[in-house]
Amino acid sequence: MKYPQILLVIFLSSIVTSCFQNTDFDQANDVVITPVVELDLIYFDIDASQFYDVETNTPNLVVRDTTAIEFIDGNDIRDALVRAEFLFDFTNSIPSNFSVNFDFLNTNNEVRYSSFTQVNAGSASLPVETIYIDNVENEEIENLTSSNKVVISVTIPSSSSSLFGTLNLKSKATYYLEID
């Protein structure tokens, strides 16, 4: 009876001590955590009527929207962000192309980072999807992280009161962090 108990004690002792032998606790300082954070960024639906002022009977060729982006302007994020990917998914049922500017501004309303895309014309019966992906890395990251808002300017080449349809935007931001 004592023999199996002695073997059990020896076995358990070897397991407990083997877990700590040759362990280099300084390796804990070399650990780098690389989380990926996905956030919704901007959503809008612009009706074609927003590109024409019926009261003054004049075209309104640019529609703007401003969105706060408070996630990237913090010191912790500024130091850890290594790459950002912005996915912009447009669905256009307006029979016109659009130019879209994305201007990332700081608290003084200075443009720190800018991006541009074209959206293809669609129709009510056949809306057209345009996907634009903007990858930001290297020295552009510093400019991006000094921003606290993004201004989207949607420009149409011409407009009239007979224009119809909708321009939809869904977007998300994916932030790649490196925390050591």
Protein backbone atom coordinates (compact mmCIF):
# COMPACT_ATOMS: atom_id res chain seq x y z
CA MET A 1 0.00 0.00 0.00
CA LYS A 2 2.78 2.42 0.83
CA TYR A 3 4.60 1.75 -2.42
CA PRO A 4 1.92 3.32 -4.71
CA GLN A 5 1.64 6.32 -2.40
CA ILE A 6 5.39 6.91 -2.54
CA LEU A 7 5.32 6.70 -6.35
CA LEU A 8 2.45 9.18 -6.46
CA VAL A 9 4.35 11.65 -4.23
CA ILE A 10 7.48 11.32 -6.38
CA PHE A 11 5.47 11.74 -9.58
CA LEU A 12 3.63 14.83 -8.33
CA SER A 13 6.87 16.35 -7.01
CA SER A 14 8.54 15.94 -10.39
CA ILE A 15 5.61 17.59 -12.17
CA VAL A 16 5.50 20.55 -9.80
CA THR A 17 9.25 21.18 -9.93
CA SER A 18 9.55 20.57 -13.69
CA CYS A 19 7.12 23.38 -14.39
CA PHE A 20 9.55 25.88 -12.91
CA GLN A 21 12.93 24.48 -13.94
CA ASN A 22 14.69 26.34 -16.76
CA THR A 23 11.97 28.98 -16.90
CA ASP A 24 13.21 32.37 -18.11
CA PHE A 25 10.92 34.92 -16.50
CA ASP A 26 12.64 37.74 -18.40
CA GLN A 27 10.81 36.52 -21.52
CA ALA A 28 7.67 38.12 -20.12
CA ASN A 29 9.21 41.47 -21.08
CA ASP A 30 9.41 40.33 -24.74
CA VAL A 31 5.66 39.67 -25.04
CA VAL A 32 3.95 41.78 -27.70
CA ILE A 33 0.16 41.82 -27.87
CA THR A 34 -1.30 42.52 -31.32
CA PRO A 35 -5.03 43.12 -31.01
CA VAL A 36 -7.20 43.99 -34.00
CA VAL A 37 -10.11 46.34 -33.29
CA GLU A 38 -13.02 46.71 -35.73
CA LEU A 39 -15.39 49.64 -35.32
CA ASP A 40 -18.26 51.04 -37.34
CA LEU A 41 -17.17 54.38 -38.75
CA ILE A 42 -19.72 56.27 -40.86
CA TYR A 43 -23.18 55.52 -42.17
CA PHE A 44 -25.31 57.80 -44.29
CA ASP A 45 -28.11 57.86 -46.84
CA ILE A 46 -28.08 60.90 -49.11
CA ASP A 47 -31.22 61.44 -51.11
CA ALA A 48 -30.70 62.93 -54.59
CA SER A 49 -32.86 65.91 -53.57
CA GLN A 50 -30.03 67.04 -51.24
CA PHE A 51 -28.01 67.96 -54.34
CA TYR A 52 -30.57 70.54 -55.47
CA ASP A 53 -32.14 73.45 -53.58
CA VAL A 54 -35.73 73.77 -54.85
CA GLU A 55 -36.31 77.05 -52.97
CA THR A 56 -33.49 78.87 -54.75
CA ASN A 57 -33.64 76.67 -57.85
CA THR A 58 -29.87 76.07 -57.72
CA PRO A 59 -27.71 72.97 -57.64
CA ASN A 60 -25.96 72.01 -54.41
CA LEU A 61 -22.96 70.16 -55.81
CA VAL A 62 -21.27 69.27 -52.51
CA VAL A 63 -22.80 67.57 -49.47
CA ARG A 64 -20.63 67.30 -46.35
CA ASP A 65 -20.84 65.28 -43.18
CA THR A 66 -18.54 65.45 -40.13
CA THR A 67 -18.02 62.56 -37.72
CA ALA A 68 -15.97 62.50 -34.51
CA ILE A 69 -13.34 59.74 -34.38
CA GLU A 70 -12.28 59.85 -30.77
CA PHE A 71 -10.82 56.33 -30.68
CA ILE A 72 -7.58 57.13 -32.52
CA ASP A 73 -6.60 60.42 -30.92
CA GLY A 74 -5.69 59.06 -27.45
CA ASN A 75 -2.05 58.76 -26.36
CA ASP A 76 -2.25 55.00 -25.76
CA ILE A 77 -3.69 54.36 -29.22
CA ARG A 78 -1.28 56.83 -30.83
CA ASP A 79 1.67 54.83 -29.48
CA ALA A 80 0.23 51.39 -30.29
CA LEU A 81 -1.39 51.87 -33.71
CA VAL A 82 0.68 50.34 -36.52
CA ARG A 83 -1.92 50.20 -39.29
CA ALA A 84 -5.48 51.28 -39.99
CA GLU A 85 -7.76 49.99 -42.72
CA PHE A 86 -10.89 51.87 -43.72
CA LEU A 87 -13.57 50.06 -45.71
CA PHE A 88 -16.11 52.29 -47.46
CA ASP A 89 -19.05 50.49 -49.10
CA PHE A 90 -21.19 52.76 -51.31
CA THR A 91 -24.49 51.77 -52.95
CA ASN A 92 -25.60 54.30 -55.56
CA SER A 93 -29.02 54.40 -57.23
CA ILE A 94 -28.50 57.99 -58.48
CA PRO A 95 -27.70 58.18 -62.21
CA SER A 96 -24.50 60.16 -61.62
CA ASN A 97 -20.89 59.55 -60.61
CA PHE A 98 -19.58 61.08 -57.40
CA SER A 99 -16.19 62.18 -56.10
CA VAL A 100 -15.74 61.56 -52.40
CA ASN A 101 -13.04 63.14 -50.21
CA PHE A 102 -12.24 61.96 -46.71
CA ASP A 103 -10.40 64.64 -44.72
CA PHE A 104 -9.17 63.75 -41.22
CA LEU A 105 -8.84 66.94 -39.17
CA ASN A 106 -7.27 67.80 -35.83
CA THR A 107 -8.78 70.03 -33.13
CA ASN A 108 -7.62 73.13 -35.06
CA ASN A 109 -9.49 71.90 -38.17
CA GLU A 110 -6.23 71.31 -40.01
CA VAL A 111 -6.22 68.42 -42.48
CA ARG A 112 -3.84 65.78 -41.13
CA TYR A 113 -4.69 62.94 -43.53
CA SER A 114 -6.74 62.86 -46.71
CA SER A 115 -8.08 60.21 -49.07
CA PHE A 116 -10.19 60.22 -52.22
CA THR A 117 -12.35 57.86 -54.26
CA GLN A 118 -14.86 57.82 -57.10
CA VAL A 119 -18.34 56.30 -56.85
CA ASN A 120 -19.88 54.89 -60.01
CA ALA A 121 -23.31 55.92 -61.32
CA GLY A 122 -26.27 53.64 -60.68
CA SER A 123 -30.00 53.60 -61.31
CA ALA A 124 -33.18 52.94 -59.36
CA SER A 125 -33.56 49.56 -61.07
CA LEU A 126 -29.87 48.65 -60.81
CA PRO A 127 -28.00 50.26 -57.91
CA VAL A 128 -24.22 50.06 -58.22
CA GLU A 129 -21.94 49.06 -55.36
CA THR A 130 -18.52 50.69 -55.10
CA ILE A 131 -16.08 49.47 -52.46
CA TYR A 132 -13.06 51.53 -51.49
CA ILE A 133 -10.39 50.31 -49.06
CA ASP A 134 -7.83 52.74 -47.69
CA ASN A 135 -4.81 51.31 -45.84
CA VAL A 136 -2.91 53.73 -43.63
CA GLU A 137 0.49 52.80 -42.27
CA ASN A 138 4.05 54.00 -41.70
CA GLU A 139 4.46 57.80 -41.45
CA GLU A 140 0.81 58.42 -42.33
CA ILE A 141 -0.23 56.78 -39.02
CA GLU A 142 1.12 59.73 -37.03
CA ASN A 143 -0.97 62.16 -39.09
CA LEU A 144 -4.03 59.96 -38.73
CA THR A 145 -3.68 59.64 -34.95
CA SER A 146 -3.48 63.41 -34.55
CA SER A 147 -7.00 63.64 -36.01
CA ASN A 148 -10.20 63.72 -34.01
CA LYS A 149 -12.80 63.97 -36.79
CA VAL A 150 -13.35 63.08 -40.41
CA VAL A 151 -15.14 65.30 -42.93
CA ILE A 152 -16.66 63.54 -45.92
CA SER A 153 -17.34 65.69 -48.96
CA VAL A 154 -19.53 64.10 -51.63
CA THR A 155 -19.39 66.02 -54.93
CA ILE A 156 -21.67 65.52 -57.90
CA PRO A 157 -20.66 67.01 -61.30
CA SER A 158 -24.12 68.48 -61.99
CA SER A 159 -27.59 68.38 -60.51
CA SER A 160 -31.20 69.22 -61.29
CA SER A 161 -34.59 69.06 -59.64
CA SER A 162 -35.37 65.89 -61.63
CA LEU A 163 -32.50 63.94 -60.07
CA PHE A 164 -33.67 60.85 -58.13
CA GLY A 165 -32.20 57.98 -56.14
CA THR A 166 -30.07 57.52 -53.04
CA LEU A 167 -26.37 57.28 -52.22
CA ASN A 168 -25.75 55.01 -49.23
CA LEU A 169 -22.50 54.60 -47.33
CA LYS A 170 -21.59 51.97 -44.76
CA SER A 171 -18.05 51.95 -43.47
CA LYS A 172 -15.86 50.41 -40.84
CA ALA A 173 -12.39 50.96 -39.50
CA THR A 174 -10.02 48.16 -38.57
CA TYR A 175 -7.18 49.18 -36.28
CA TYR A 176 -4.08 46.99 -35.94
CA LEU A 177 -2.33 47.60 -32.64
CA GLU A 178 0.99 46.48 -31.21
CA ILE A 179 1.25 46.69 -27.45
CA ASP A 180 4.51 45.77 -25.74
